[in-house]
């Protein structure tokens, strides 16, 4: 058994207790920090605090925990180099064989706020350094950044007592990609916050200059949605355009790039009263729709077709009107690549099998419910505590309104009680 010592420090604690128990059962010493250490200790797993290893306490409110030679020397030592081994022995540093880390949830936090102090405090420093150090030294250290890999690692250890080099390389590549995306998101969000409109980064995305015509790209050659002019709401409009390509009767509202409200016009009889947000996307902007939107909260309205452009401009004076067009055959919606916006660039992502709600939930935080009502409106709810609480609140709300929930689409983990309550009310559940 070559994995003798593991450092575990995770923000996303999904499955970490079970994983740590499996490692401990196989004789692995576990080192951890803060909340992760407490969680593991409370579960009865022997765990050594990082401060016990370094002889130095966490400082600066937790900003500095692992940044110490007793940690990074233990991770970065090349055990094929005699001079490295000599350094370890001279300074009494014990090698670390596995690093299990995922980062502060900057991606989720930025969907909820643009408060600079909150964003800054959710930028991970030590975690990124740990991942990069372990990935660099992957021949000696197994790096784990994805909870989905926990079970695979245990199986590999049980089958051969170690993690084969091929798998070590794959885990290292995953860690480098994970930190790259993390930094790209930070750069994009802070660039917007600091009022910069030019993002000079990326390897997999293509840059499109907002100073000229603005086109949204899904890879370096293929264009699938084009906007009539540059707008800061490009992410929302792109996602909305793909949604309404699949379901032309849908009208969807966004707050920044986060889906917030939606209605099926046919099912609602043309009512849009419950739509809220800052950006609205629909297939056709009719004169009737323009009148209904005149006093709405929406400041940007995007459409493919328009009944009377002059009438709409006059009626919706003060609102940003953006026309979008599809540059591929939208009759084959399942072939439309989904793209995640990063600054002025798009990262290609295929969602299969094709489903509008699977697409929407892929852009929403974990633990989101989308409830489809019989009046054509959809409620978007993020489960801050648990899905059952949100379900109960939705049921009370719809009963008061005299409506009924038909379907629930979710990326949350749901339990048997949730399923039972839905079953009693003939509500279909779709999980993604």
Protein backbone atom coordinates (compact mmCIF):
# COMPACT_ATOMS: atom_id res chain seq x y z
CA UNK A 1 0.00 0.00 0.00
CA UNK A 2 1.85 3.09 -1.28
CA UNK A 3 -0.71 5.69 -0.13
CA UNK A 4 0.21 6.24 3.52
CA UNK A 5 -0.60 9.91 4.15
CA UNK A 6 -3.38 12.10 2.70
CA UNK A 7 -4.19 15.77 3.08
CA UNK A 8 -7.93 16.43 2.82
CA UNK A 9 -9.33 19.98 2.69
CA UNK A 10 -12.54 20.45 0.75
CA UNK A 11 -15.23 23.08 0.30
CA UNK A 12 -17.63 20.65 -1.40
CA UNK A 13 -17.91 17.96 1.26
CA UNK A 14 -19.98 15.56 -0.86
CA UNK A 15 -18.88 12.02 -0.04
CA UNK A 16 -15.74 13.10 1.83
CA UNK A 17 -16.64 11.40 5.12
CA UNK A 18 -17.21 8.06 3.41
CA UNK A 19 -14.01 8.49 1.37
CA UNK A 20 -11.95 9.35 4.47
CA UNK A 21 -13.38 6.32 6.31
CA UNK A 22 -12.30 4.07 3.43
CA UNK A 23 -8.80 5.58 3.44
CA UNK A 24 -8.51 5.26 7.23
CA UNK A 25 -9.65 1.63 7.04
CA UNK A 26 -6.71 1.02 4.68
CA UNK A 27 -4.20 2.54 7.09
CA UNK A 28 -3.94 6.03 5.57
CA UNK A 29 -3.07 8.85 7.99
CA UNK A 30 -5.33 11.83 7.38
CA UNK A 31 -4.32 15.47 7.73
CA UNK A 32 -6.96 18.16 7.42
CA UNK A 33 -7.96 21.76 8.07
CA UNK A 34 -10.77 23.73 9.72
CA UNK A 35 -14.27 22.63 8.84
CA UNK A 36 -13.15 19.48 7.02
CA UNK A 37 -11.13 18.33 10.04
CA UNK A 38 -14.10 18.91 12.36
CA UNK A 39 -16.47 17.05 10.03
CA UNK A 40 -14.14 14.04 9.87
CA UNK A 41 -13.45 14.06 13.62
CA UNK A 42 -17.18 14.27 14.39
CA UNK A 43 -17.63 11.20 12.20
CA UNK A 44 -15.13 9.32 14.36
CA UNK A 45 -12.27 9.40 11.87
CA UNK A 46 -8.80 10.02 13.38
CA UNK A 47 -7.52 13.24 11.83
CA UNK A 48 -4.46 15.41 12.42
CA UNK A 49 -4.87 19.17 12.06
CA UNK A 50 -2.49 20.88 9.64
CA UNK A 51 -1.41 23.14 12.51
CA UNK A 52 -0.15 20.01 14.34
CA UNK A 53 2.01 19.17 11.32
CA UNK A 54 3.36 22.68 10.77
CA UNK A 55 3.60 23.71 14.42
CA UNK A 56 1.97 26.97 13.35
CA UNK A 57 -1.68 27.98 13.83
CA UNK A 58 -4.10 29.08 11.11
CA UNK A 59 -3.88 32.88 10.86
CA UNK A 60 -5.55 35.82 9.13
CA UNK A 61 -9.01 34.39 9.60
CA UNK A 62 -8.07 31.18 7.79
CA UNK A 63 -6.37 32.86 4.82
CA UNK A 64 -3.12 31.13 5.76
CA UNK A 65 -3.39 27.46 6.77
CA UNK A 66 -1.44 25.14 4.52
CA UNK A 67 1.18 27.49 3.06
CA UNK A 68 4.14 26.04 4.96
CA UNK A 69 7.30 24.03 4.03
CA UNK A 70 6.12 21.07 6.16
CA UNK A 71 3.12 20.83 3.82
CA UNK A 72 4.49 21.90 0.45
CA UNK A 73 7.84 20.21 0.98
CA UNK A 74 5.92 17.02 1.74
CA UNK A 75 3.93 17.38 -1.49
CA UNK A 76 6.60 18.62 -3.89
CA UNK A 77 9.41 16.23 -2.96
CA UNK A 78 10.55 14.10 -5.90
CA UNK A 79 11.29 10.78 -4.20
CA UNK A 80 13.53 9.73 -7.10
CA UNK A 81 15.91 12.58 -6.23
CA UNK A 82 18.37 11.76 -3.45
CA UNK A 83 18.84 15.46 -2.66
CA UNK A 84 15.08 15.81 -2.10
CA UNK A 85 15.07 12.82 0.23
CA UNK A 86 18.03 14.30 2.11
CA UNK A 87 16.16 17.61 2.50
CA UNK A 88 13.12 15.80 3.88
CA UNK A 89 15.25 13.91 6.40
CA UNK A 90 17.22 17.00 7.43
CA UNK A 91 14.05 18.99 8.15
CA UNK A 92 11.95 16.09 9.49
CA UNK A 93 9.36 16.41 6.73
CA UNK A 94 7.14 13.38 6.12
CA UNK A 95 5.94 12.97 2.50
CA UNK A 96 2.26 13.38 1.65
CA UNK A 97 1.04 10.80 -0.89
CA UNK A 98 -2.42 12.16 -1.70
CA UNK A 99 -3.99 15.62 -1.83
CA UNK A 100 -7.79 15.82 -1.79
CA UNK A 101 -8.87 19.41 -2.36
CA UNK A 102 -11.67 21.36 -3.97
CA UNK A 103 -11.90 25.11 -3.88
CA UNK A 104 -13.97 27.85 -2.27
CA UNK A 105 -17.25 28.03 -4.26
CA UNK A 106 -16.45 31.24 -6.14
CA UNK A 107 -18.58 30.12 -9.12
CA UNK A 108 -21.68 29.72 -6.94
CA UNK A 109 -21.05 32.89 -4.91
CA UNK A 110 -20.68 35.07 -8.01
CA UNK A 111 -24.12 33.94 -9.17
CA UNK A 112 -25.60 35.38 -5.99
CA UNK A 113 -23.69 38.64 -5.44
CA UNK A 114 -21.39 41.28 -6.92
CA UNK A 115 -20.25 42.52 -3.51
CA UNK A 116 -16.51 42.94 -3.89
CA UNK A 117 -15.57 41.96 -0.32
CA UNK A 118 -17.65 38.79 -0.50
CA UNK A 119 -16.15 37.82 -3.85
CA UNK A 120 -12.59 38.47 -2.69
CA UNK A 121 -13.02 36.34 0.43
CA UNK A 122 -14.20 33.46 -1.75
CA UNK A 123 -11.03 33.40 -3.85
CA UNK A 124 -9.09 30.31 -2.83
CA UNK A 125 -5.30 30.64 -2.50
CA UNK A 126 -3.97 27.68 -0.54
CA UNK A 127 -6.29 25.22 -2.27
CA UNK A 128 -5.12 26.22 -5.74
CA UNK A 129 -1.49 26.00 -4.61
CA UNK A 130 -2.06 22.52 -3.14
CA UNK A 131 -3.71 21.25 -6.32
CA UNK A 132 -1.01 22.63 -8.58
CA UNK A 133 1.79 21.32 -6.37
CA UNK A 134 0.29 17.83 -6.25
CA UNK A 135 -0.52 17.85 -9.98
CA UNK A 136 3.04 18.91 -10.77
CA UNK A 137 4.41 16.06 -8.65
CA UNK A 138 1.76 13.54 -9.72
CA UNK A 139 4.27 10.69 -10.03
CA UNK A 140 4.67 10.89 -6.26
CA UNK A 141 1.35 12.44 -5.17
CA UNK A 142 -2.20 11.55 -6.20
CA UNK A 143 -4.23 14.73 -6.69
CA UNK A 144 -8.02 14.56 -6.27
CA UNK A 145 -10.29 17.52 -7.00
CA UNK A 146 -13.53 15.77 -7.98
CA UNK A 147 -15.73 13.89 -5.46
CA UNK A 148 -16.88 11.69 -8.35
CA UNK A 149 -13.39 10.11 -8.36
CA UNK A 150 -13.46 8.93 -4.72
CA UNK A 151 -14.93 5.51 -5.45
CA UNK A 152 -12.58 4.92 -8.37
CA UNK A 153 -9.56 5.68 -6.20
CA UNK A 154 -10.61 3.19 -3.52
CA UNK A 155 -11.15 0.51 -6.18
CA UNK A 156 -7.69 1.18 -7.65
CA UNK A 157 -6.05 1.00 -4.22
CA UNK A 158 -7.81 -2.28 -3.49
CA UNK A 159 -6.85 -3.77 -6.84
CA UNK A 160 -3.14 -2.92 -6.84
CA UNK A 161 -2.27 -1.09 -3.61
CA UNK A 162 -1.56 2.12 -5.50
CA UNK A 163 -2.82 4.48 -8.19
CA UNK A 164 -1.31 3.61 -11.61
CA UNK A 165 0.65 6.31 -13.42
CA UNK A 166 -1.92 6.57 -16.22
CA UNK A 167 -4.65 7.45 -13.69
CA UNK A 168 -2.32 9.79 -11.79
CA UNK A 169 -1.76 11.68 -15.04
CA UNK A 170 -5.51 11.90 -15.72
CA UNK A 171 -6.17 13.21 -12.20
CA UNK A 172 -3.36 15.76 -12.64
CA UNK A 173 -4.80 17.01 -15.95
CA UNK A 174 -8.22 17.31 -14.33
CA UNK A 175 -6.71 19.39 -11.49
CA UNK A 176 -4.90 21.73 -13.90
CA UNK A 177 -8.10 22.21 -15.91
CA UNK A 178 -10.13 22.76 -12.73
CA UNK A 179 -7.79 25.51 -11.50
CA UNK A 180 -7.65 27.07 -14.97
CA UNK A 181 -11.45 27.36 -15.11
CA UNK A 182 -11.49 28.67 -11.55
CA UNK A 183 -9.02 31.45 -12.36
CA UNK A 184 -10.83 32.25 -15.61
CA UNK A 185 -14.10 32.75 -13.74
CA UNK A 186 -12.43 35.01 -11.18
CA UNK A 187 -10.84 37.07 -13.98
CA UNK A 188 -14.12 37.40 -15.85
CA UNK A 189 -16.17 38.40 -12.78
CA UNK A 190 -13.61 40.87 -11.41
CA UNK A 191 -13.09 42.33 -14.90
CA UNK A 192 -16.81 43.10 -15.05
CA UNK A 193 -16.78 44.41 -11.49
CA UNK A 194 -13.82 46.66 -12.17
CA UNK A 195 -15.51 47.93 -15.38
CA UNK A 196 -13.11 46.36 -17.87
CA UNK A 197 -14.67 45.09 -21.09
CA UNK A 198 -11.66 43.29 -22.48
CA UNK A 199 -10.59 39.89 -21.18
CA UNK A 200 -7.20 38.84 -22.49
CA UNK A 201 -7.02 35.18 -21.52
CA UNK A 202 -8.12 31.64 -22.44
CA UNK A 203 -6.80 28.82 -24.56
CA UNK A 204 -9.98 26.95 -25.50
CA UNK A 205 -12.09 30.05 -26.20
CA UNK A 206 -11.93 32.55 -29.06
CA UNK A 207 -11.80 36.27 -28.39
CA UNK A 208 -14.34 38.54 -30.04
CA UNK A 209 -13.76 42.29 -29.82
CA UNK A 210 -16.72 44.29 -28.44
CA UNK A 211 -15.30 47.36 -30.13
CA UNK A 212 -16.42 45.99 -33.51
CA UNK A 213 -19.29 43.64 -34.31
CA UNK A 214 -20.05 41.19 -31.53
CA UNK A 215 -20.49 37.51 -32.27
CA UNK A 216 -20.88 34.67 -29.83
CA UNK A 217 -18.69 31.69 -30.65
CA UNK A 218 -18.83 28.11 -29.44
CA UNK A 219 -15.38 27.16 -30.70
CA UNK A 220 -12.68 28.67 -32.88
CA UNK A 221 -14.52 28.11 -36.16
CA UNK A 222 -18.24 27.59 -35.62
CA UNK A 223 -20.75 30.36 -34.90
CA UNK A 224 -24.26 29.42 -33.85
CA UNK A 225 -25.93 32.55 -32.40
CA UNK A 226 -25.33 36.13 -33.46
CA UNK A 227 -26.45 39.28 -31.65
CA UNK A 228 -27.39 42.50 -33.39
CA UNK A 229 -25.04 44.52 -31.19
CA UNK A 230 -22.67 44.21 -28.26
CA UNK A 231 -24.38 43.80 -24.89
CA UNK A 232 -23.25 42.86 -21.41
CA UNK A 233 -26.23 40.48 -21.29
CA UNK A 234 -24.77 38.18 -23.96
CA UNK A 235 -24.63 35.14 -21.64
CA UNK A 236 -28.32 35.34 -20.73
CA UNK A 237 -29.41 36.04 -24.30
CA UNK A 238 -27.40 33.11 -25.67
CA UNK A 239 -28.82 30.67 -23.16
CA UNK A 240 -32.33 32.07 -23.66
CA UNK A 241 -32.01 31.85 -27.45
CA UNK A 242 -31.19 28.14 -27.20
CA UNK A 243 -34.12 27.55 -24.84
CA UNK A 244 -36.68 29.29 -27.06
CA UNK A 245 -35.24 27.56 -30.15
CA UNK A 246 -36.38 24.30 -28.61
CA UNK A 247 -39.69 25.61 -27.20
CA UNK A 248 -40.93 28.65 -29.16
CA UNK A 249 -43.80 29.30 -26.71
CA UNK A 250 -41.40 29.82 -23.80
CA UNK A 251 -40.45 33.29 -22.57
CA UNK A 252 -37.61 33.37 -20.07
CA UNK A 253 -36.32 36.04 -17.69
CA UNK A 254 -32.79 36.32 -16.29
CA UNK A 255 -31.06 38.24 -13.55
CA UNK A 256 -27.57 38.67 -15.01
CA UNK A 257 -26.91 35.18 -16.41
CA UNK A 258 -29.05 33.33 -13.86
CA UNK A 259 -32.47 32.04 -15.05
CA UNK A 260 -35.10 33.58 -12.78
CA UNK A 261 -38.57 33.17 -14.28
CA UNK A 262 -40.25 31.51 -17.24
CA UNK A 263 -43.70 31.07 -18.80
CA UNK A 264 -45.23 29.02 -21.56
CA UNK A 265 -47.35 31.60 -23.42
CA UNK A 266 -49.71 29.01 -24.87
CA UNK A 267 -50.44 27.44 -21.48
CA UNK A 268 -50.76 30.83 -19.73
CA UNK A 269 -53.09 32.30 -22.34
CA UNK A 270 -50.55 35.03 -23.11
CA UNK A 271 -50.22 36.19 -19.48
CA UNK A 272 -46.73 37.27 -18.40
CA UNK A 273 -47.58 38.89 -15.04
CA UNK A 274 -45.23 36.70 -12.95
CA UNK A 275 -42.17 37.22 -15.15
CA UNK A 276 -39.34 39.02 -13.36
CA UNK A 277 -35.69 39.80 -14.00
CA UNK A 278 -33.47 42.21 -15.87
CA UNK A 279 -33.17 40.40 -19.24
CA UNK A 280 -36.06 38.82 -21.17
CA UNK A 281 -35.66 36.43 -24.12
CA UNK A 282 -38.48 35.35 -26.46
CA UNK A 283 -38.88 34.22 -30.06
CA UNK A 284 -41.25 36.95 -31.30
CA UNK A 285 -41.74 40.45 -29.89
CA UNK A 286 -45.33 41.29 -30.88
CA UNK A 287 -46.98 44.67 -30.36
CA UNK A 288 -49.15 43.12 -27.66
CA UNK A 289 -46.08 41.78 -25.87
CA UNK A 290 -44.35 45.16 -26.15
CA UNK A 291 -47.33 46.83 -24.43
CA UNK A 292 -47.26 44.26 -21.62
CA UNK A 293 -43.53 44.76 -21.11
CA UNK A 294 -43.65 48.56 -21.04
CA UNK A 295 -43.87 48.75 -17.21
CA UNK A 296 -41.91 45.56 -16.51
CA UNK A 297 -38.64 45.26 -14.58
CA UNK A 298 -36.78 44.10 -17.71
CA UNK A 299 -34.14 46.49 -18.99
CA UNK A 300 -32.97 44.27 -21.88
CA UNK A 301 -35.35 42.47 -24.24
CA UNK A 302 -33.97 40.01 -26.81
CA UNK A 303 -35.94 38.48 -29.67
CA UNK A 304 -35.53 36.69 -32.98
CA UNK A 305 -38.57 38.21 -34.74
CA UNK A 306 -40.39 41.50 -34.23
CA UNK A 307 -43.83 42.56 -35.40
CA UNK A 308 -43.21 46.31 -35.67
CA UNK A 309 -39.74 47.56 -34.81
CA UNK A 310 -40.66 51.25 -34.70
CA UNK A 311 -43.66 50.57 -32.47
CA UNK A 312 -41.53 48.44 -30.13
CA UNK A 313 -38.79 51.09 -29.90
CA UNK A 314 -41.34 53.75 -29.07
CA UNK A 315 -43.31 51.61 -26.61
CA UNK A 316 -40.20 50.23 -24.88
CA UNK A 317 -38.25 53.47 -24.86
CA UNK A 318 -35.36 53.29 -22.39
CA UNK A 319 -35.02 49.52 -22.67
CA UNK A 320 -32.22 47.79 -24.61
CA UNK A 321 -33.59 45.85 -27.61
CA UNK A 322 -31.35 43.09 -29.00
CA UNK A 323 -32.15 40.96 -32.03
CA UNK A 324 -30.54 37.53 -32.21
CA UNK A 325 -30.31 35.13 -35.13
CA UNK A 326 -29.40 31.47 -35.44
CA UNK A 327 -26.64 30.59 -37.86
CA UNK A 328 -27.36 26.86 -37.80
CA UNK A 329 -30.50 24.84 -38.49
CA UNK A 330 -32.53 25.15 -35.30
CA UNK A 331 -34.98 22.48 -36.40
CA UNK A 332 -32.34 20.08 -35.11
CA UNK A 333 -32.13 21.55 -31.63
CA UNK A 334 -30.35 18.52 -30.19
CA UNK A 335 -27.33 19.43 -32.31
CA UNK A 336 -26.98 22.93 -30.86
CA UNK A 337 -23.83 23.02 -28.73
CA UNK A 338 -24.32 24.58 -25.30
CA UNK A 339 -21.77 27.24 -24.50
CA UNK A 340 -20.71 28.62 -21.15
CA UNK A 341 -19.84 32.30 -21.41
CA UNK A 342 -16.48 33.38 -19.99
CA UNK A 343 -15.98 37.08 -20.58
CA UNK A 344 -16.37 37.61 -24.31
CA UNK A 345 -15.73 33.96 -25.06
CA UNK A 346 -17.67 30.73 -25.21
CA UNK A 347 -16.61 27.30 -24.00
CA UNK A 348 -18.27 24.48 -25.93
CA UNK A 349 -20.31 22.00 -23.91
CA UNK A 350 -22.66 19.34 -25.21
CA UNK A 351 -25.67 18.44 -23.06
CA UNK A 352 -27.00 14.98 -23.91
CA UNK A 353 -29.70 13.86 -24.02
CA UNK A 354 -31.17 17.19 -25.08
CA UNK A 355 -33.58 18.67 -22.55
CA UNK A 356 -34.38 22.33 -21.91
CA UNK A 357 -34.49 21.81 -18.15
CA UNK A 358 -31.25 19.87 -18.07
CA UNK A 359 -29.70 22.79 -19.92
CA UNK A 360 -31.12 25.40 -17.52
CA UNK A 361 -30.09 23.42 -14.44
CA UNK A 362 -26.54 23.10 -15.77
CA UNK A 363 -26.30 26.90 -15.47
CA UNK A 364 -27.97 27.00 -12.03
CA UNK A 365 -26.38 26.38 -8.63
CA UNK A 366 -26.54 22.89 -7.18
CA UNK A 367 -29.84 22.23 -5.34
CA UNK A 368 -32.15 24.14 -7.69
CA UNK A 369 -35.81 23.27 -8.25
CA UNK A 370 -37.82 24.32 -11.29
CA UNK A 371 -41.54 23.83 -10.67
CA UNK A 372 -43.86 23.81 -13.69
CA UNK A 373 -47.39 24.96 -12.83
CA UNK A 374 -50.65 24.22 -14.65
CA UNK A 375 -51.06 27.95 -15.44
CA UNK A 376 -47.94 27.86 -17.67
CA UNK A 377 -45.57 29.57 -15.20
CA UNK A 378 -42.34 28.07 -13.87
CA UNK A 379 -40.91 28.82 -10.42
CA UNK A 380 -37.12 28.76 -10.02
CA UNK A 381 -36.02 28.06 -6.44
CA UNK A 382 -32.54 27.51 -4.99
CA UNK A 383 -32.52 25.19 -1.96
CA UNK A 384 -30.46 27.04 0.63
CA UNK A 385 -31.20 24.38 3.27
CA UNK A 386 -32.87 21.37 1.70
CA UNK A 387 -35.14 20.52 -1.20
CA UNK A 388 -38.03 19.43 1.03
CA UNK A 389 -38.38 22.89 2.58
CA UNK A 390 -38.55 24.47 -0.87
CA UNK A 391 -41.13 21.93 -2.01
CA UNK A 392 -43.37 22.62 0.99
CA UNK A 393 -43.11 26.36 0.40
CA UNK A 394 -43.98 25.95 -3.29
CA UNK A 395 -46.99 23.80 -2.44
CA UNK A 396 -48.32 26.37 0.02
CA UNK A 397 -47.73 29.18 -2.51
CA UNK A 398 -49.46 27.41 -5.40
CA UNK A 399 -52.42 26.36 -3.25
CA UNK A 400 -52.97 29.99 -2.24
CA UNK A 401 -52.84 31.02 -5.90
CA UNK A 402 -55.25 28.26 -6.92
CA UNK A 403 -52.70 26.63 -9.19
CA UNK A 404 -51.11 23.18 -9.23
CA UNK A 405 -47.57 21.94 -9.75
CA UNK A 406 -47.38 19.47 -12.64
CA UNK A 407 -43.66 18.72 -12.86
CA UNK A 408 -40.50 19.36 -10.87
CA UNK A 409 -37.08 19.45 -12.54
CA UNK A 410 -34.09 19.46 -10.21
CA UNK A 411 -30.33 18.96 -9.82
CA UNK A 412 -30.77 18.48 -6.05
CA UNK A 413 -30.50 15.25 -4.12
CA UNK A 414 -34.03 14.29 -3.11
CA UNK A 415 -35.10 11.82 -0.44
CA UNK A 416 -37.95 9.34 -0.12
CA UNK A 417 -40.18 11.84 1.72
CA UNK A 418 -39.81 14.34 -1.13
CA UNK A 419 -40.76 11.60 -3.60
CA UNK A 420 -43.70 10.50 -1.44
CA UNK A 421 -45.15 14.03 -1.17
CA UNK A 422 -44.88 14.52 -4.92
CA UNK A 423 -46.42 11.12 -5.60
CA UNK A 424 -49.42 11.91 -3.40
CA UNK A 425 -50.04 15.05 -5.47
CA UNK A 426 -49.36 13.43 -8.86
CA UNK A 427 -46.30 15.65 -9.41
CA UNK A 428 -43.73 14.20 -11.81
CA UNK A 429 -40.07 14.49 -10.75
CA UNK A 430 -37.22 14.78 -13.25
CA UNK A 431 -33.68 14.76 -11.84
CA UNK A 432 -30.52 15.73 -13.73
